[in-house]
């Protein structure tokens, strides 16, 4: 069993910054990917930033240059540095990871419980 726990959400004024963190724990052999999604009220969940075990990253167009994803593979942690935040960034942010629990095993998809980010003056 694998658990993902996010932290770092909160209320911030427009133009401000927040740093989200997500740590995976449990039976982990390797983590193929660790991503951040968000879901705004009344909208579908969308991919915000993605990172692979090889170190490549990808961002939604709406957040590129403002958000930075980074991984600490030794700690099974992924962070999301969010700068120049806008009211439209308000959403619940979810950590998502693809985890192998043993060598040669399949990759299982896990989700965190979410952390709320509110951008408002």
N, C-alpha and C. Protein backbone atom coordinates (compact mmCIF):
# COMPACT_ATOMS: atom_id res chain seq x y z
N UNK A 1 0.84 -1.18 0.00
CA UNK A 1 0.00 0.00 0.00
C UNK A 1 0.89 1.24 0.00
N UNK A 2 0.46 2.23 -0.76
CA UNK A 2 1.20 3.48 -0.89
C UNK A 2 0.29 4.63 -0.52
N UNK A 3 0.82 5.57 0.21
CA UNK A 3 0.08 6.78 0.56
C UNK A 3 0.81 8.01 0.03
N UNK A 4 0.03 8.96 -0.45
CA UNK A 4 0.56 10.26 -0.87
C UNK A 4 -0.05 11.32 0.03
N UNK A 5 0.80 12.14 0.61
CA UNK A 5 0.32 13.19 1.50
C UNK A 5 0.82 14.54 1.00
N UNK A 6 -0.14 15.43 0.72
CA UNK A 6 0.21 16.77 0.25
C UNK A 6 0.19 17.76 1.41
N UNK A 7 0.93 18.84 1.24
CA UNK A 7 0.91 19.93 2.22
C UNK A 7 1.27 21.22 1.50
N UNK A 8 0.98 22.33 2.17
CA UNK A 8 1.43 23.61 1.65
C UNK A 8 0.36 24.51 1.08
N UNK A 9 -0.85 24.04 0.98
CA UNK A 9 -1.92 24.88 0.44
C UNK A 9 -2.30 25.99 1.41
N UNK A 10 -3.15 26.89 0.94
CA UNK A 10 -3.61 27.97 1.81
C UNK A 10 -4.14 29.13 1.01
N UNK A 11 -4.29 30.24 1.71
CA UNK A 11 -4.80 31.47 1.10
C UNK A 11 -3.64 32.40 0.79
N UNK A 12 -3.64 32.94 -0.41
CA UNK A 12 -2.57 33.84 -0.83
C UNK A 12 -3.16 34.93 -1.69
N UNK A 13 -2.57 36.10 -1.64
CA UNK A 13 -3.05 37.20 -2.47
C UNK A 13 -2.55 37.05 -3.90
N UNK A 14 -3.27 37.64 -4.84
CA UNK A 14 -2.79 37.61 -6.23
C UNK A 14 -1.37 38.16 -6.33
N UNK A 15 -0.56 37.46 -7.13
CA UNK A 15 0.84 37.83 -7.26
C UNK A 15 1.74 37.16 -6.25
N UNK A 16 1.16 36.48 -5.28
CA UNK A 16 1.93 35.82 -4.24
C UNK A 16 2.43 34.45 -4.66
N UNK A 17 3.07 33.78 -3.71
CA UNK A 17 3.69 32.48 -3.97
C UNK A 17 3.28 31.46 -2.91
N UNK A 18 3.26 30.21 -3.33
CA UNK A 18 3.06 29.08 -2.44
C UNK A 18 3.94 27.93 -2.91
N UNK A 19 4.27 27.07 -1.97
CA UNK A 19 5.02 25.86 -2.31
C UNK A 19 4.28 24.65 -1.78
N UNK A 20 3.88 23.79 -2.70
CA UNK A 20 3.20 22.55 -2.33
C UNK A 20 4.21 21.42 -2.29
N UNK A 21 4.00 20.49 -1.37
CA UNK A 21 4.84 19.31 -1.29
C UNK A 21 3.98 18.07 -1.21
N UNK A 22 4.52 16.98 -1.72
CA UNK A 22 3.83 15.69 -1.67
C UNK A 22 4.88 14.62 -1.40
N UNK A 23 4.62 13.81 -0.39
CA UNK A 23 5.54 12.73 -0.05
C UNK A 23 4.83 11.39 -0.14
N UNK A 24 5.48 10.47 -0.82
CA UNK A 24 4.95 9.11 -0.94
C UNK A 24 5.59 8.22 0.11
N UNK A 25 4.79 7.35 0.69
CA UNK A 25 5.29 6.42 1.69
C UNK A 25 4.61 5.07 1.51
N UNK A 26 5.22 4.06 2.10
CA UNK A 26 4.67 2.71 1.98
C UNK A 26 5.66 1.80 1.27
N UNK A 27 5.11 0.79 0.60
CA UNK A 27 5.94 -0.18 -0.12
C UNK A 27 6.27 0.39 -1.50
N UNK A 28 7.47 0.93 -1.63
CA UNK A 28 7.87 1.61 -2.87
C UNK A 28 9.18 1.03 -3.37
N UNK A 29 9.17 0.52 -4.61
CA UNK A 29 10.42 0.11 -5.25
C UNK A 29 10.94 1.25 -6.10
N UNK A 30 10.06 1.85 -6.88
CA UNK A 30 10.43 3.01 -7.68
C UNK A 30 9.16 3.79 -8.02
N UNK A 31 9.35 5.05 -8.34
CA UNK A 31 8.24 5.91 -8.74
C UNK A 31 8.49 6.40 -10.16
N UNK A 32 7.65 5.97 -11.09
CA UNK A 32 7.85 6.30 -12.50
C UNK A 32 7.54 7.76 -12.79
N UNK A 33 6.51 8.27 -12.20
CA UNK A 33 6.13 9.66 -12.42
C UNK A 33 5.49 10.22 -11.16
N UNK A 34 5.63 11.53 -10.99
CA UNK A 34 4.95 12.26 -9.92
C UNK A 34 4.45 13.56 -10.54
N UNK A 35 3.17 13.75 -10.48
CA UNK A 35 2.53 14.87 -11.16
C UNK A 35 1.66 15.67 -10.19
N UNK A 36 1.29 16.85 -10.63
CA UNK A 36 0.33 17.67 -9.91
C UNK A 36 -0.86 17.94 -10.82
N UNK A 37 -2.04 17.71 -10.29
CA UNK A 37 -3.28 18.05 -10.95
C UNK A 37 -4.01 19.08 -10.09
N UNK A 38 -4.99 19.72 -10.71
CA UNK A 38 -5.84 20.61 -9.93
C UNK A 38 -7.27 20.51 -10.43
N UNK A 39 -8.19 20.82 -9.53
CA UNK A 39 -9.60 20.83 -9.89
C UNK A 39 -10.25 22.05 -9.26
N UNK A 40 -10.68 22.95 -10.12
CA UNK A 40 -11.38 24.14 -9.67
C UNK A 40 -12.87 23.83 -9.51
N UNK A 41 -13.58 24.60 -8.70
CA UNK A 41 -15.01 24.34 -8.50
C UNK A 41 -15.77 24.32 -9.82
N UNK A 42 -16.51 23.27 -10.05
CA UNK A 42 -17.33 23.16 -11.25
C UNK A 42 -16.56 22.79 -12.50
N UNK A 43 -15.27 22.48 -12.37
CA UNK A 43 -14.47 22.15 -13.54
C UNK A 43 -13.87 20.75 -13.41
N UNK A 44 -13.39 20.24 -14.52
CA UNK A 44 -12.75 18.93 -14.51
C UNK A 44 -11.32 19.03 -13.97
N UNK A 45 -10.86 17.92 -13.45
CA UNK A 45 -9.48 17.88 -12.98
C UNK A 45 -8.54 17.98 -14.18
N UNK A 46 -7.49 18.78 -14.04
CA UNK A 46 -6.56 18.97 -15.13
C UNK A 46 -5.12 18.80 -14.66
N UNK A 47 -4.29 18.34 -15.58
CA UNK A 47 -2.86 18.19 -15.29
C UNK A 47 -2.21 19.56 -15.29
N UNK A 48 -1.46 19.85 -14.22
CA UNK A 48 -0.79 21.13 -14.10
C UNK A 48 0.69 21.00 -14.43
N UNK A 49 1.33 20.00 -13.83
CA UNK A 49 2.77 19.81 -14.03
C UNK A 49 3.09 18.33 -13.85
N UNK A 50 4.02 17.86 -14.66
CA UNK A 50 4.37 16.44 -14.64
C UNK A 50 5.88 16.28 -14.58
N UNK A 51 6.32 15.21 -13.92
CA UNK A 51 7.74 14.90 -13.88
C UNK A 51 7.91 13.39 -13.99
N UNK A 52 8.94 12.98 -14.71
CA UNK A 52 9.21 11.56 -14.89
C UNK A 52 10.46 11.16 -14.10
N UNK A 53 10.64 9.85 -14.00
CA UNK A 53 11.81 9.34 -13.28
C UNK A 53 13.10 9.75 -13.97
N UNK A 54 13.01 10.02 -15.28
CA UNK A 54 14.19 10.43 -16.02
C UNK A 54 14.52 11.90 -15.85
N UNK A 55 13.63 12.64 -15.19
CA UNK A 55 13.91 14.04 -14.93
C UNK A 55 13.23 15.02 -15.86
N UNK A 56 12.49 14.52 -16.83
CA UNK A 56 11.81 15.45 -17.74
C UNK A 56 10.57 16.02 -17.06
N UNK A 57 10.20 17.22 -17.47
CA UNK A 57 9.04 17.89 -16.90
C UNK A 57 8.15 18.43 -18.00
N UNK A 58 6.91 18.65 -17.67
CA UNK A 58 5.96 19.19 -18.63
C UNK A 58 4.93 20.01 -17.86
N UNK A 59 4.44 21.08 -18.49
CA UNK A 59 3.53 21.99 -17.81
C UNK A 59 2.33 22.31 -18.68
N UNK A 60 1.22 22.59 -18.01
CA UNK A 60 0.07 23.14 -18.72
C UNK A 60 0.44 24.53 -19.22
N UNK A 61 -0.09 24.91 -20.34
CA UNK A 61 0.24 26.20 -20.94
C UNK A 61 -0.11 27.34 -19.99
N UNK A 62 -1.20 27.18 -19.26
CA UNK A 62 -1.69 28.25 -18.39
C UNK A 62 -0.78 28.54 -17.21
N UNK A 63 0.12 27.62 -16.89
CA UNK A 63 0.96 27.81 -15.70
C UNK A 63 2.44 27.88 -16.04
N UNK A 64 2.78 27.64 -17.30
CA UNK A 64 4.19 27.63 -17.68
C UNK A 64 4.82 28.96 -17.34
N UNK A 65 6.02 28.92 -16.82
CA UNK A 65 6.85 30.06 -16.40
C UNK A 65 6.45 30.57 -15.02
N UNK A 66 5.33 30.12 -14.49
CA UNK A 66 4.93 30.55 -13.15
C UNK A 66 5.06 29.43 -12.12
N UNK A 67 4.90 28.18 -12.58
CA UNK A 67 4.98 27.05 -11.68
C UNK A 67 6.19 26.19 -12.04
N UNK A 68 6.83 25.63 -11.02
CA UNK A 68 7.99 24.77 -11.22
C UNK A 68 7.83 23.50 -10.40
N UNK A 69 7.91 22.36 -11.09
CA UNK A 69 7.84 21.08 -10.40
C UNK A 69 9.26 20.56 -10.18
N UNK A 70 9.48 19.96 -9.03
CA UNK A 70 10.79 19.40 -8.73
C UNK A 70 10.62 18.14 -7.89
N UNK A 71 11.52 17.20 -8.09
CA UNK A 71 11.45 15.93 -7.37
C UNK A 71 12.71 15.71 -6.56
N UNK A 72 12.51 15.10 -5.41
CA UNK A 72 13.62 14.58 -4.62
C UNK A 72 13.40 13.08 -4.54
N UNK A 73 14.03 12.36 -5.46
CA UNK A 73 13.78 10.93 -5.56
C UNK A 73 14.22 10.18 -4.31
N UNK A 74 15.24 10.65 -3.65
CA UNK A 74 15.72 9.98 -2.43
C UNK A 74 14.69 10.04 -1.32
N UNK A 75 13.86 11.10 -1.34
CA UNK A 75 12.85 11.28 -0.31
C UNK A 75 11.44 10.96 -0.81
N UNK A 76 11.34 10.50 -2.05
CA UNK A 76 10.02 10.21 -2.65
C UNK A 76 9.08 11.41 -2.53
N UNK A 77 9.62 12.56 -2.84
CA UNK A 77 8.89 13.81 -2.68
C UNK A 77 8.86 14.58 -3.99
N UNK A 78 7.74 15.23 -4.24
CA UNK A 78 7.62 16.15 -5.36
C UNK A 78 7.08 17.47 -4.83
N UNK A 79 7.66 18.54 -5.31
CA UNK A 79 7.24 19.87 -4.90
C UNK A 79 6.69 20.66 -6.09
N UNK A 80 5.87 21.63 -5.78
CA UNK A 80 5.35 22.52 -6.81
C UNK A 80 5.50 23.94 -6.29
N UNK A 81 6.46 24.66 -6.84
CA UNK A 81 6.65 26.06 -6.50
C UNK A 81 5.75 26.90 -7.39
N UNK A 82 4.88 27.67 -6.77
CA UNK A 82 3.90 28.45 -7.53
C UNK A 82 4.15 29.93 -7.27
N UNK A 83 4.48 30.65 -8.32
CA UNK A 83 4.75 32.09 -8.23
C UNK A 83 3.74 32.86 -9.08
N UNK A 84 3.65 34.15 -8.81
CA UNK A 84 2.76 35.03 -9.58
C UNK A 84 1.35 34.44 -9.67
N UNK A 85 0.85 34.02 -8.55
CA UNK A 85 -0.45 33.34 -8.54
C UNK A 85 -1.58 34.27 -8.93
N UNK A 86 -2.56 33.69 -9.60
CA UNK A 86 -3.73 34.43 -10.09
C UNK A 86 -4.99 33.84 -9.47
N UNK A 87 -6.06 34.60 -9.40
CA UNK A 87 -7.31 34.05 -8.87
C UNK A 87 -7.76 32.78 -9.59
N UNK A 88 -7.47 32.68 -10.86
CA UNK A 88 -7.87 31.49 -11.61
C UNK A 88 -7.04 30.25 -11.26
N UNK A 89 -6.00 30.41 -10.45
CA UNK A 89 -5.25 29.27 -9.95
C UNK A 89 -5.93 28.64 -8.74
N UNK A 90 -6.99 29.26 -8.24
CA UNK A 90 -7.73 28.72 -7.11
C UNK A 90 -8.30 27.35 -7.46
N UNK A 91 -7.95 26.36 -6.65
CA UNK A 91 -8.38 24.98 -6.92
C UNK A 91 -7.89 24.08 -5.80
N UNK A 92 -8.39 22.86 -5.82
CA UNK A 92 -7.80 21.79 -5.01
C UNK A 92 -6.70 21.15 -5.85
N UNK A 93 -5.51 21.06 -5.26
CA UNK A 93 -4.35 20.51 -5.96
C UNK A 93 -4.07 19.10 -5.45
N UNK A 94 -3.91 18.19 -6.40
CA UNK A 94 -3.72 16.78 -6.08
C UNK A 94 -2.39 16.27 -6.60
N UNK A 95 -1.74 15.50 -5.77
CA UNK A 95 -0.52 14.80 -6.16
C UNK A 95 -0.91 13.44 -6.76
N UNK A 96 -0.23 13.06 -7.81
CA UNK A 96 -0.48 11.78 -8.49
C UNK A 96 0.85 11.11 -8.77
N UNK A 97 0.94 9.83 -8.48
CA UNK A 97 2.21 9.13 -8.69
C UNK A 97 1.99 7.74 -9.25
N UNK A 98 2.91 7.33 -10.09
CA UNK A 98 2.91 5.97 -10.61
C UNK A 98 4.01 5.19 -9.92
N UNK A 99 3.64 4.19 -9.14
CA UNK A 99 4.56 3.51 -8.23
C UNK A 99 4.67 2.03 -8.56
N UNK A 100 5.90 1.56 -8.58
CA UNK A 100 6.17 0.11 -8.64
C UNK A 100 6.53 -0.35 -7.23
N UNK A 101 5.89 -1.43 -6.80
CA UNK A 101 6.15 -1.91 -5.44
C UNK A 101 7.19 -3.02 -5.40
N UNK A 102 7.60 -3.49 -6.58
CA UNK A 102 8.66 -4.49 -6.61
C UNK A 102 9.31 -4.47 -7.98
N UNK A 103 10.51 -5.06 -8.10
CA UNK A 103 11.25 -5.06 -9.35
C UNK A 103 10.47 -5.88 -10.39
N UNK A 104 10.26 -5.29 -11.53
CA UNK A 104 9.56 -5.98 -12.60
C UNK A 104 8.05 -5.93 -12.51
N UNK A 105 7.54 -5.33 -11.42
CA UNK A 105 6.10 -5.25 -11.26
C UNK A 105 5.48 -4.15 -12.09
N UNK A 106 4.20 -4.15 -12.15
CA UNK A 106 3.50 -3.11 -12.91
C UNK A 106 3.48 -1.82 -12.11
N UNK A 107 3.16 -0.75 -12.82
CA UNK A 107 3.05 0.55 -12.18
C UNK A 107 1.61 0.80 -11.77
N UNK A 108 1.43 1.14 -10.52
CA UNK A 108 0.10 1.45 -9.99
C UNK A 108 -0.02 2.95 -9.79
N UNK A 109 -1.22 3.45 -10.04
CA UNK A 109 -1.49 4.89 -9.97
C UNK A 109 -2.11 5.23 -8.61
N UNK A 110 -1.54 6.23 -7.94
CA UNK A 110 -2.02 6.64 -6.63
C UNK A 110 -2.30 8.14 -6.62
N UNK A 111 -3.24 8.53 -5.74
CA UNK A 111 -3.61 9.94 -5.59
C UNK A 111 -3.54 10.35 -4.13
N UNK A 112 -3.16 11.61 -3.92
CA UNK A 112 -3.25 12.18 -2.59
C UNK A 112 -4.66 12.69 -2.32
N UNK A 113 -4.85 13.21 -1.13
CA UNK A 113 -6.18 13.66 -0.72
C UNK A 113 -6.48 15.08 -1.18
N UNK A 114 -5.47 15.78 -1.64
CA UNK A 114 -5.66 17.14 -2.15
C UNK A 114 -5.35 18.20 -1.10
N UNK A 115 -4.91 19.34 -1.58
CA UNK A 115 -4.69 20.50 -0.72
C UNK A 115 -5.26 21.72 -1.44
N UNK A 116 -5.96 22.55 -0.70
CA UNK A 116 -6.67 23.67 -1.32
C UNK A 116 -5.79 24.89 -1.41
N UNK A 117 -5.80 25.50 -2.58
CA UNK A 117 -5.12 26.77 -2.83
C UNK A 117 -6.17 27.80 -3.20
N UNK A 118 -6.20 28.88 -2.45
CA UNK A 118 -7.13 29.98 -2.72
C UNK A 118 -6.34 31.25 -2.97
N UNK A 119 -6.54 31.84 -4.14
CA UNK A 119 -5.86 33.08 -4.50
C UNK A 119 -6.91 34.19 -4.53
N UNK A 120 -6.82 35.06 -3.55
CA UNK A 120 -7.84 36.09 -3.41
C UNK A 120 -7.29 37.26 -2.59
N UNK A 121 -7.77 38.44 -2.91
CA UNK A 121 -7.38 39.62 -2.13
C UNK A 121 -8.41 39.89 -1.04
